[in-house]
Amino acid sequence: MSEQEERALVELKAKIHSDRGFNCQFYKDKCLRRRLAVRMRARGEESFTGYTRLLDTDPAEYDLLLDALTINVTKFFRNTEMWDVLAADVAPALFDRPEREMKVWSAGCASGEEAYSVSILLREWAERNGRTDELRRFHITGTDIDRRSLDSARRAEYTDLSLTETSPERIERWFSPGPPYRLDERARANVGFHWKDLISGEPEHDQSLILCRNVIIYLDRVIQEELFQCFYDALVPGGYLVLGKVETLLGPTRGKFRPVNSRERVFLKPE
């Protein structure tokens, strides 16, 4: 790539951050270029300079670009083995904690399937164990940088694709007939969503459970290590962190967390 095009890429990244608040400076370079190339090919642009001009004249392209840059592939109860670990090991521990308020954070929540899956799992566990009166303690927050995905999460209406890893029994119990399948109000009651940039946003605090799956893998190692430290600081002692199946802890925090289930990437912040 020419020096001119390298400068054009730097300017394009700065423009995306300035115009839409999406900080792609810390994406792995290969990943970022690949995703930009998808949109450039779709619009017949061969240079970053030309694509930058296109964004100025076609604002709708920004939405398509952000869809390409943000990782929005998600499903209810994706990777069922991990959810089995949460039901068997994490949910009982959370219900037994003394805090009056239990915060759960789905970081990079896309259209909300993960956050709502947590809500369903906690409600099912509480019903099996006669502790439904304690559900009011739980507050689940989903955050994402893609505002269109957040709007979808708030609507809580889903296609067949979102439910391919959900049992028929759960679909019948928690969703209206579809498509679109609308999530039952009970599972939505304690779940909220807001915009957040994981890299440059304000830190969270007092979290009992953080799920950040299949997001960090796309970021540079230095940023990964910084985010792991942010997650560690955001958790209460005895809180849990869940990563994606192919993600692993890096840097100083690797020695701070204790594995609960290494295979399913579930970790504990010791008390």
C-alpha atoms as a PDB file:
ATOM      1  CA  MET A   1       0.000   0.000   0.000  1.00  0.00           C
ATOM      2  CA  SER A   2       1.307   3.461  -0.898  1.00  0.00           C
ATOM      3  CA  GLU A   3       2.254   6.024   1.699  1.00  0.00           C
ATOM      4  CA  GLN A   4      -0.631   8.165   0.477  1.00  0.00           C
ATOM      5  CA  GLU A   5      -3.141   5.381   1.087  1.00  0.00           C
ATOM      6  CA  GLU A   6      -1.677   4.703   4.537  1.00  0.00           C
ATOM      7  CA  ARG A   7      -2.288   8.353   5.406  1.00  0.00           C
ATOM      8  CA  ALA A   8      -5.781   8.082   3.944  1.00  0.00           C
ATOM      9  CA  LEU A   9      -6.501   5.107   6.219  1.00  0.00           C
ATOM     10  CA  VAL A  10      -5.350   7.056   9.277  1.00  0.00           C
ATOM     11  CA  GLU A  11      -7.607   9.941   8.264  1.00  0.00           C
ATOM     12  CA  LEU A  12     -10.526   7.572   7.650  1.00  0.00           C
ATOM     13  CA  LYS A  13     -10.194   6.055  11.128  1.00  0.00           C
ATOM     14  CA  ALA A  14     -10.100   9.526  12.675  1.00  0.00           C
ATOM     15  CA  LYS A  15     -13.167  10.531  10.654  1.00  0.00           C
ATOM     16  CA  ILE A  16     -15.164   7.490  11.785  1.00  0.00           C
ATOM     17  CA  HIS A  17     -14.314   8.276  15.399  1.00  0.00           C
ATOM     18  CA  SER A  18     -15.185  11.960  15.016  1.00  0.00           C
ATOM     19  CA  ASP A  19     -18.422  11.468  13.065  1.00  0.00           C
ATOM     20  CA  ARG A  20     -19.866   8.399  14.778  1.00  0.00           C
ATOM     21  CA  GLY A  21     -17.931   7.978  18.033  1.00  0.00           C
ATOM     22  CA  PHE A  22     -16.594   4.582  16.990  1.00  0.00           C
ATOM     23  CA  ASN A  23     -12.932   4.276  17.974  1.00  0.00           C
ATOM     24  CA  CYS A  24     -11.368   1.818  15.561  1.00  0.00           C
ATOM     25  CA  GLN A  25      -7.798   2.923  16.276  1.00  0.00           C
ATOM     26  CA  PHE A  26      -7.228  -0.130  18.442  1.00  0.00           C
ATOM     27  CA  TYR A  27      -8.684  -2.788  16.147  1.00  0.00           C
ATOM     28  CA  LYS A  28      -6.252  -5.392  14.934  1.00  0.00           C
ATOM     29  CA  ASP A  29      -5.025  -3.908  11.681  1.00  0.00           C
ATOM     30  CA  LYS A  30      -5.726  -6.969   9.541  1.00  0.00           C
ATOM     31  CA  CYS A  31      -9.263  -7.268  10.908  1.00  0.00           C
ATOM     32  CA  LEU A  32     -10.024  -3.587  10.337  1.00  0.00           C
ATOM     33  CA  ARG A  33      -8.723  -3.590   6.766  1.00  0.00           C
ATOM     34  CA  ARG A  34     -10.687  -6.735   5.945  1.00  0.00           C
ATOM     35  CA  ARG A  35     -13.955  -5.258   7.179  1.00  0.00           C
ATOM     36  CA  LEU A  36     -13.373  -1.942   5.442  1.00  0.00           C
ATOM     37  CA  ALA A  37     -12.628  -3.846   2.232  1.00  0.00           C
ATOM     38  CA  VAL A  38     -16.042  -5.536   2.405  1.00  0.00           C
ATOM     39  CA  ARG A  39     -17.834  -2.193   2.255  1.00  0.00           C
ATOM     40  CA  MET A  40     -15.438  -0.684  -0.281  1.00  0.00           C
ATOM     41  CA  ARG A  41     -15.990  -3.608  -2.666  1.00  0.00           C
ATOM     42  CA  ALA A  42     -19.736  -3.347  -2.176  1.00  0.00           C
ATOM     43  CA  ARG A  43     -19.628   0.301  -3.249  1.00  0.00           C
ATOM     44  CA  GLY A  44     -17.043  -0.079  -5.987  1.00  0.00           C
ATOM     45  CA  GLU A  45     -14.415   2.022  -4.218  1.00  0.00           C
ATOM     46  CA  GLU A  46     -10.782   1.015  -4.588  1.00  0.00           C
ATOM     47  CA  SER A  47      -9.122   3.581  -2.303  1.00  0.00           C
ATOM     48  CA  PHE A  48      -9.561   4.808   1.251  1.00  0.00           C
ATOM     49  CA  THR A  49      -9.593   8.347  -0.117  1.00  0.00           C
ATOM     50  CA  GLY A  50     -12.525   7.571  -2.380  1.00  0.00           C
ATOM     51  CA  TYR A  51     -14.401   5.767   0.368  1.00  0.00           C
ATOM     52  CA  THR A  52     -13.914   8.726   2.720  1.00  0.00           C
ATOM     53  CA  ARG A  53     -15.499  11.010   0.107  1.00  0.00           C
ATOM     54  CA  LEU A  54     -18.372   8.543  -0.235  1.00  0.00           C
ATOM     55  CA  LEU A  55     -19.106   8.726   3.495  1.00  0.00           C
ATOM     56  CA  ASP A  56     -19.400  12.510   3.161  1.00  0.00           C
ATOM     57  CA  THR A  57     -21.992  12.236   0.393  1.00  0.00           C
ATOM     58  CA  ASP A  58     -23.887   9.115   1.549  1.00  0.00           C
ATOM     59  CA  PRO A  59     -24.506   9.140   5.323  1.00  0.00           C
ATOM     60  CA  ALA A  60     -26.508   5.900   5.074  1.00  0.00           C
ATOM     61  CA  GLU A  61     -23.279   4.117   4.188  1.00  0.00           C
ATOM     62  CA  TYR A  62     -22.080   4.847   7.723  1.00  0.00           C
ATOM     63  CA  ASP A  63     -24.715   2.513   9.149  1.00  0.00           C
ATOM     64  CA  LEU A  64     -23.646  -0.265   6.792  1.00  0.00           C
ATOM     65  CA  LEU A  65     -19.999   0.359   7.655  1.00  0.00           C
ATOM     66  CA  LEU A  66     -20.653   0.197  11.397  1.00  0.00           C
ATOM     67  CA  ASP A  67     -22.542  -3.051  10.859  1.00  0.00           C
ATOM     68  CA  ALA A  68     -19.417  -4.405   9.179  1.00  0.00           C
ATOM     69  CA  LEU A  69     -17.049  -3.100  11.850  1.00  0.00           C
ATOM     70  CA  THR A  70     -19.059  -4.155  14.894  1.00  0.00           C
ATOM     71  CA  ILE A  71     -19.456  -7.852  15.590  1.00  0.00           C
ATOM     72  CA  ASN A  72     -23.208  -8.416  15.826  1.00  0.00           C
ATOM     73  CA  VAL A  73     -23.399 -12.191  15.403  1.00  0.00           C
ATOM     74  CA  THR A  74     -25.245 -13.342  18.506  1.00  0.00           C
ATOM     75  CA  LYS A  75     -27.953 -15.769  19.578  1.00  0.00           C
ATOM     76  CA  PHE A  76     -29.923 -16.649  22.663  1.00  0.00           C
ATOM     77  CA  PHE A  77     -27.948 -19.149  24.759  1.00  0.00           C
ATOM     78  CA  ARG A  78     -25.086 -19.212  22.271  1.00  0.00           C
ATOM     79  CA  ASN A  79     -22.585 -21.938  23.247  1.00  0.00           C
ATOM     80  CA  THR A  80     -24.938 -23.901  25.469  1.00  0.00           C
ATOM     81  CA  GLU A  81     -22.138 -25.479  27.519  1.00  0.00           C
ATOM     82  CA  MET A  82     -21.205 -22.064  28.927  1.00  0.00           C
ATOM     83  CA  TRP A  83     -24.789 -21.438  29.985  1.00  0.00           C
ATOM     84  CA  ASP A  84     -24.826 -24.816  31.721  1.00  0.00           C
ATOM     85  CA  VAL A  85     -21.814 -23.641  33.763  1.00  0.00           C
ATOM     86  CA  LEU A  86     -23.593 -20.412  34.654  1.00  0.00           C
ATOM     87  CA  ALA A  87     -26.667 -22.314  35.792  1.00  0.00           C
ATOM     88  CA  ALA A  88     -24.727 -24.892  37.810  1.00  0.00           C
ATOM     89  CA  ASP A  89     -21.944 -22.797  39.346  1.00  0.00           C
ATOM     90  CA  VAL A  90     -22.469 -19.068  38.938  1.00  0.00           C
ATOM     91  CA  ALA A  91     -26.198 -18.511  39.511  1.00  0.00           C
ATOM     92  CA  PRO A  92     -26.238 -20.269  42.924  1.00  0.00           C
ATOM     93  CA  ALA A  93     -23.241 -18.227  44.052  1.00  0.00           C
ATOM     94  CA  LEU A  94     -24.834 -14.974  42.923  1.00  0.00           C
ATOM     95  CA  PHE A  95     -28.090 -15.661  44.736  1.00  0.00           C
ATOM     96  CA  ASP A  96     -26.160 -16.452  47.916  1.00  0.00           C
ATOM     97  CA  ARG A  97     -24.215 -13.183  47.872  1.00  0.00           C
ATOM     98  CA  PRO A  98     -25.166 -10.628  50.539  1.00  0.00           C
ATOM     99  CA  GLU A  99     -25.396  -7.518  48.342  1.00  0.00           C
ATOM    100  CA  ARG A 100     -28.788  -5.850  48.093  1.00  0.00           C
ATOM    101  CA  GLU A 101     -28.169  -5.111  44.415  1.00  0.00           C
ATOM    102  CA  MET A 102     -26.588  -7.502  41.928  1.00  0.00           C
ATOM    103  CA  LYS A 103     -25.298  -5.887  38.750  1.00  0.00           C
ATOM    104  CA  VAL A 104     -24.770  -7.902  35.572  1.00  0.00           C
ATOM    105  CA  TRP A 105     -23.067  -6.345  32.550  1.00  0.00           C
ATOM    106  CA  SER A 106     -23.262  -7.702  29.001  1.00  0.00           C
ATOM    107  CA  ALA A 107     -20.409  -5.804  27.305  1.00  0.00           C
ATOM    108  CA  GLY A 108     -20.754  -5.646  23.530  1.00  0.00           C
ATOM    109  CA  CYS A 109     -24.340  -6.859  23.766  1.00  0.00           C
ATOM    110  CA  ALA A 110     -25.299  -6.334  20.084  1.00  0.00           C
ATOM    111  CA  SER A 111     -29.084  -6.812  19.795  1.00  0.00           C
ATOM    112  CA  GLY A 112     -29.565  -8.035  23.352  1.00  0.00           C
ATOM    113  CA  GLU A 113     -29.734 -11.811  23.084  1.00  0.00           C
ATOM    114  CA  GLU A 114     -27.002 -12.387  25.674  1.00  0.00           C
ATOM    115  CA  ALA A 115     -28.407  -9.966  28.250  1.00  0.00           C
ATOM    116  CA  TYR A 116     -31.879 -11.447  27.908  1.00  0.00           C
ATOM    117  CA  SER A 117     -30.460 -14.978  28.109  1.00  0.00           C
ATOM    118  CA  VAL A 118     -28.978 -14.080  31.496  1.00  0.00           C
ATOM    119  CA  SER A 119     -32.361 -12.794  32.629  1.00  0.00           C
ATOM    120  CA  ILE A 120     -34.115 -15.990  31.539  1.00  0.00           C
ATOM    121  CA  LEU A 121     -31.476 -18.189  33.168  1.00  0.00           C
ATOM    122  CA  LEU A 122     -31.695 -16.344  36.500  1.00  0.00           C
ATOM    123  CA  ARG A 123     -35.485 -16.499  36.487  1.00  0.00           C
ATOM    124  CA  GLU A 124     -35.511 -20.204  35.725  1.00  0.00           C
ATOM    125  CA  TRP A 125     -32.970 -20.876  38.488  1.00  0.00           C
ATOM    126  CA  ALA A 126     -34.980 -18.810  40.975  1.00  0.00           C
ATOM    127  CA  GLU A 127     -38.191 -20.665  40.129  1.00  0.00           C
ATOM    128  CA  ARG A 128     -36.554 -24.076  40.545  1.00  0.00           C
ATOM    129  CA  ASN A 129     -35.167 -23.079  43.925  1.00  0.00           C
ATOM    130  CA  GLY A 130     -38.087 -21.129  45.347  1.00  0.00           C
ATOM    131  CA  ARG A 131     -36.269 -17.782  45.352  1.00  0.00           C
ATOM    132  CA  THR A 132     -38.231 -15.684  42.877  1.00  0.00           C
ATOM    133  CA  ASP A 133     -38.679 -12.930  45.453  1.00  0.00           C
ATOM    134  CA  GLU A 134     -34.935 -12.251  45.170  1.00  0.00           C
ATOM    135  CA  LEU A 135     -35.018 -11.494  41.445  1.00  0.00           C
ATOM    136  CA  ARG A 136     -35.624  -7.824  42.195  1.00  0.00           C
ATOM    137  CA  ARG A 137     -32.009  -7.630  43.381  1.00  0.00           C
ATOM    138  CA  PHE A 138     -30.698  -8.238  39.858  1.00  0.00           C
ATOM    139  CA  HIS A 139     -30.123  -5.457  37.340  1.00  0.00           C
ATOM    140  CA  ILE A 140     -28.793  -6.459  33.917  1.00  0.00           C
ATOM    141  CA  THR A 141     -27.250  -3.875  31.606  1.00  0.00           C
ATOM    142  CA  GLY A 142     -26.281  -4.395  27.988  1.00  0.00           C
ATOM    143  CA  THR A 143     -23.910  -1.942  26.324  1.00  0.00           C
ATOM    144  CA  ASP A 144     -22.787  -1.592  22.737  1.00  0.00           C
ATOM    145  CA  ILE A 145     -21.319   0.975  20.369  1.00  0.00           C
ATOM    146  CA  ASP A 146     -23.853   0.240  17.620  1.00  0.00           C
ATOM    147  CA  ARG A 147     -26.967   2.352  18.258  1.00  0.00           C
ATOM    148  CA  ARG A 148     -29.082   0.428  15.740  1.00  0.00           C
ATOM    149  CA  SER A 149     -28.322  -2.809  17.562  1.00  0.00           C
ATOM    150  CA  LEU A 150     -29.325  -1.186  20.846  1.00  0.00           C
ATOM    151  CA  ASP A 151     -32.635  -0.102  19.314  1.00  0.00           C
ATOM    152  CA  SER A 152     -33.215  -3.719  18.266  1.00  0.00           C
ATOM    153  CA  ALA A 153     -32.384  -4.901  21.775  1.00  0.00           C
ATOM    154  CA  ARG A 154     -34.975  -2.570  23.284  1.00  0.00           C
ATOM    155  CA  ARG A 155     -37.630  -3.807  20.843  1.00  0.00           C
ATOM    156  CA  ALA A 156     -36.879  -7.410  21.885  1.00  0.00           C
ATOM    157  CA  GLU A 157     -38.225  -8.924  18.666  1.00  0.00           C
ATOM    158  CA  TYR A 158     -36.189 -11.700  17.075  1.00  0.00           C
ATOM    159  CA  THR A 159     -35.945 -13.928  14.017  1.00  0.00           C
ATOM    160  CA  ASP A 160     -35.499 -17.687  13.812  1.00  0.00           C
ATOM    161  CA  LEU A 161     -31.730 -17.192  13.509  1.00  0.00           C
ATOM    162  CA  SER A 162     -31.495 -15.730  17.010  1.00  0.00           C
ATOM    163  CA  LEU A 163     -33.164 -18.815  18.472  1.00  0.00           C
ATOM    164  CA  THR A 164     -31.297 -21.667  16.770  1.00  0.00           C
ATOM    165  CA  GLU A 165     -29.542 -22.600  20.039  1.00  0.00           C
ATOM    166  CA  THR A 166     -32.646 -22.192  22.211  1.00  0.00           C
ATOM    167  CA  SER A 167     -34.735 -25.211  23.180  1.00  0.00           C
ATOM    168  CA  PRO A 168     -38.320 -25.450  21.899  1.00  0.00           C
ATOM    169  CA  GLU A 169     -39.491 -25.430  25.516  1.00  0.00           C
ATOM    170  CA  ARG A 170     -37.812 -22.094  26.176  1.00  0.00           C
ATOM    171  CA  ILE A 171     -39.098 -20.606  22.943  1.00  0.00           C
ATOM    172  CA  GLU A 172     -42.656 -21.605  23.812  1.00  0.00           C
ATOM    173  CA  ARG A 173     -42.382 -20.269  27.348  1.00  0.00           C
ATOM    174  CA  TRP A 174     -40.511 -17.012  26.831  1.00  0.00           C
ATOM    175  CA  PHE A 175     -41.538 -15.800  23.369  1.00  0.00           C
ATOM    176  CA  SER A 176     -44.715 -14.990  21.509  1.00  0.00           C
ATOM    177  CA  PRO A 177     -45.244 -17.014  18.311  1.00  0.00           C
ATOM    178  CA  GLY A 178     -43.222 -15.654  15.414  1.00  0.00           C
ATOM    179  CA  PRO A 179     -41.326 -14.616  13.526  1.00  0.00           C
ATOM    180  CA  PRO A 180     -40.801 -12.079  14.815  1.00  0.00           C
ATOM    181  CA  TYR A 181     -40.622 -13.683  18.244  1.00  0.00           C
ATOM    182  CA  ARG A 182     -41.283 -11.098  20.949  1.00  0.00           C
ATOM    183  CA  LEU A 183     -39.663 -11.717  24.328  1.00  0.00           C
ATOM    184  CA  ASP A 184     -41.969 -11.998  27.333  1.00  0.00           C
ATOM    185  CA  GLU A 185     -42.147  -8.907  29.547  1.00  0.00           C
ATOM    186  CA  ARG A 186     -41.018 -10.914  32.581  1.00  0.00           C
ATOM    187  CA  ALA A 187     -37.621 -11.523  31.010  1.00  0.00           C
ATOM    188  CA  ARG A 188     -37.325  -7.861  30.005  1.00  0.00           C
ATOM    189  CA  ALA A 189     -38.297  -6.359  33.353  1.00  0.00           C
ATOM    190  CA  ASN A 190     -34.821  -6.040  34.865  1.00  0.00           C
ATOM    191  CA  VAL A 191     -32.816  -5.475  31.663  1.00  0.00           C
ATOM    192  CA  GLY A 192     -31.695  -2.123  30.249  1.00  0.00           C
ATOM    193  CA  PHE A 193     -29.435  -0.985  27.421  1.00  0.00           C
ATOM    194  CA  HIS A 194     -27.224   2.016  26.715  1.00  0.00           C
ATOM    195  CA  TRP A 195     -24.457   3.146  24.379  1.00  0.00           C
ATOM    196  CA  LYS A 196     -20.889   2.630  25.546  1.00  0.00           C
ATOM    197  CA  ASP A 197     -17.442   2.546  23.974  1.00  0.00           C
ATOM    198  CA  LEU A 198     -15.545  -0.188  25.795  1.00  0.00           C
ATOM    199  CA  ILE A 199     -12.189   1.376  25.002  1.00  0.00           C
ATOM    200  CA  SER A 200     -12.699   5.018  25.899  1.00  0.00           C
ATOM    201  CA  GLY A 201     -15.944   4.992  27.902  1.00  0.00           C
ATOM    202  CA  GLU A 202     -16.379   5.613  31.605  1.00  0.00           C
ATOM    203  CA  PRO A 203     -15.476   2.594  33.763  1.00  0.00           C
ATOM    204  CA  GLU A 204     -18.173   0.465  35.339  1.00  0.00           C
ATOM    205  CA  HIS A 205     -18.174  -0.568  38.992  1.00  0.00           C
ATOM    206  CA  ASP A 206     -19.730  -2.969  41.507  1.00  0.00           C
ATOM    207  CA  GLN A 207     -20.506  -5.638  38.910  1.00  0.00           C
ATOM    208  CA  SER A 208     -21.278  -9.171  40.095  1.00  0.00           C
ATOM    209  CA  LEU A 209     -21.077 -10.734  36.625  1.00  0.00           C
ATOM    210  CA  ILE A 210     -19.522  -9.442  33.402  1.00  0.00           C
ATOM    211  CA  LEU A 211     -19.949 -11.176  30.056  1.00  0.00           C
ATOM    212  CA  CYS A 212     -17.743  -9.969  27.193  1.00  0.00           C
ATOM    213  CA  ARG A 213     -17.679 -12.700  24.582  1.00  0.00           C
ATOM    214  CA  ASN A 214     -16.179 -12.623  21.098  1.00  0.00           C
ATOM    215  CA  VAL A 215     -15.365  -8.914  21.241  1.00  0.00           C
ATOM    216  CA  ILE A 216     -11.864  -8.615  22.666  1.00  0.00           C
ATOM    217  CA  ILE A 217     -10.374 -11.024  20.127  1.00  0.00           C
ATOM    218  CA  TYR A 218     -10.588  -8.294  17.468  1.00  0.00           C
ATOM    219  CA  LEU A 219      -8.577  -5.743  19.468  1.00  0.00           C
ATOM    220  CA  ASP A 220      -4.839  -5.172  19.788  1.00  0.00           C
ATOM    221  CA  ARG A 221      -3.124  -7.005  22.630  1.00  0.00           C
ATOM    222  CA  VAL A 222      -2.336  -3.816  24.574  1.00  0.00           C
ATOM    223  CA  ILE A 223      -6.006  -2.823  24.544  1.00  0.00           C
ATOM    224  CA  GLN A 224      -7.035  -6.348  25.501  1.00  0.00           C
ATOM    225  CA  GLU A 225      -4.837  -6.173  28.590  1.00  0.00           C
ATOM    226  CA  GLU A 226      -6.252  -2.765  29.509  1.00  0.00           C
ATOM    227  CA  LEU A 227      -9.813  -4.049  29.168  1.00  0.00           C
ATOM    228  CA  PHE A 228      -9.097  -7.106  31.301  1.00  0.00           C
ATOM    229  CA  GLN A 229      -7.848  -4.766  34.023  1.00  0.00           C
ATOM    230  CA  CYS A 230     -10.982  -2.631  33.627  1.00  0.00           C
ATOM    231  CA  PHE A 231     -13.152  -5.718  34.024  1.00  0.00           C
ATOM    232  CA  TYR A 232     -11.183  -6.793  37.086  1.00  0.00           C
ATOM    233  CA  ASP A 233     -11.604  -3.357  38.657  1.00  0.00           C
ATOM    234  CA  ALA A 234     -15.308  -3.265  37.774  1.00  0.00           C
ATOM    235  CA  LEU A 235     -16.081  -6.565  39.517  1.00  0.00           C
ATOM    236  CA  VAL A 236     -16.860  -6.880  43.198  1.00  0.00           C
ATOM    237  CA  PRO A 237     -14.680  -9.411  45.045  1.00  0.00           C
ATOM    238  CA  GLY A 238     -16.294 -12.757  44.305  1.00  0.00           C
ATOM    239  CA  GLY A 239     -17.609 -11.511  40.959  1.00  0.00           C
ATOM    240  CA  TYR A 240     -17.419 -13.464  37.695  1.00  0.00           C
ATOM    241  CA  LEU A 241     -16.031 -12.736  34.224  1.00  0.00           C
ATOM    242  CA  VAL A 242     -17.071 -14.708  31.134  1.00  0.00           C
ATOM    243  CA  LEU A 243     -15.112 -14.498  27.867  1.00  0.00           C
ATOM    244  CA  GLY A 244     -15.632 -16.017  24.432  1.00  0.00           C
ATOM    245  CA  LYS A 245     -14.641 -19.595  23.729  1.00  0.00           C
ATOM    246  CA  VAL A 246     -11.492 -18.618  21.809  1.00  0.00           C
ATOM    247  CA  GLU A 247     -10.473 -15.733  24.076  1.00  0.00           C
ATOM    248  CA  THR A 248      -8.040 -15.927  26.961  1.00  0.00           C
ATOM    249  CA  LEU A 249      -6.808 -13.662  29.732  1.00  0.00           C
ATOM    250  CA  LEU A 250      -3.613 -11.745  29.004  1.00  0.00           C
ATOM    251  CA  GLY A 251      -1.227  -9.606  30.997  1.00  0.00           C
ATOM    252  CA  PRO A 252      -1.169  -9.015  34.772  1.00  0.00           C
ATOM    253  CA  THR A 253      -4.836  -9.910  35.317  1.00  0.00           C
ATOM    254  CA  ARG A 254      -4.163 -13.466  34.183  1.00  0.00           C
ATOM    255  CA  GLY A 255      -2.725 -14.158  37.625  1.00  0.00           C
ATOM    256  CA  LYS A 256      -5.466 -12.274  39.458  1.00  0.00           C
ATOM    257  CA  PHE A 257      -8.507 -14.222  38.258  1.00  0.00           C
ATOM    258  CA  ARG A 258      -9.185 -17.803  39.313  1.00  0.00           C
ATOM    259  CA  PRO A 259     -10.591 -20.198  36.693  1.00  0.00           C
ATOM    260  CA  VAL A 260     -14.046 -21.546  37.449  1.00  0.00           C
ATOM    261  CA  ASN A 261     -14.246 -23.408  34.152  1.00  0.00           C
ATOM    262  CA  SER A 262     -11.260 -22.879  31.860  1.00  0.00           C
ATOM    263  CA  ARG A 263     -12.876 -24.626  28.901  1.00  0.00           C
ATOM    264  CA  GLU A 264     -15.891 -22.311  28.960  1.00  0.00           C
ATOM    265  CA  ARG A 265     -13.800 -19.242  29.890  1.00  0.00           C
ATOM    266  CA  VAL A 266     -15.523 -18.515  33.208  1.00  0.00           C
ATOM    267  CA  PHE A 267     -13.333 -16.756  35.781  1.00  0.00           C
ATOM    268  CA  LEU A 268     -13.705 -15.570  39.381  1.00  0.00           C
ATOM    269  CA  LYS A 269     -12.265 -12.474  41.044  1.00  0.00           C
ATOM    270  CA  PRO A 270     -11.209 -13.900  44.424  1.00  0.00           C
ATOM    271  CA  GLU A 271     -12.507 -12.287  47.592  1.00  0.00           C
END
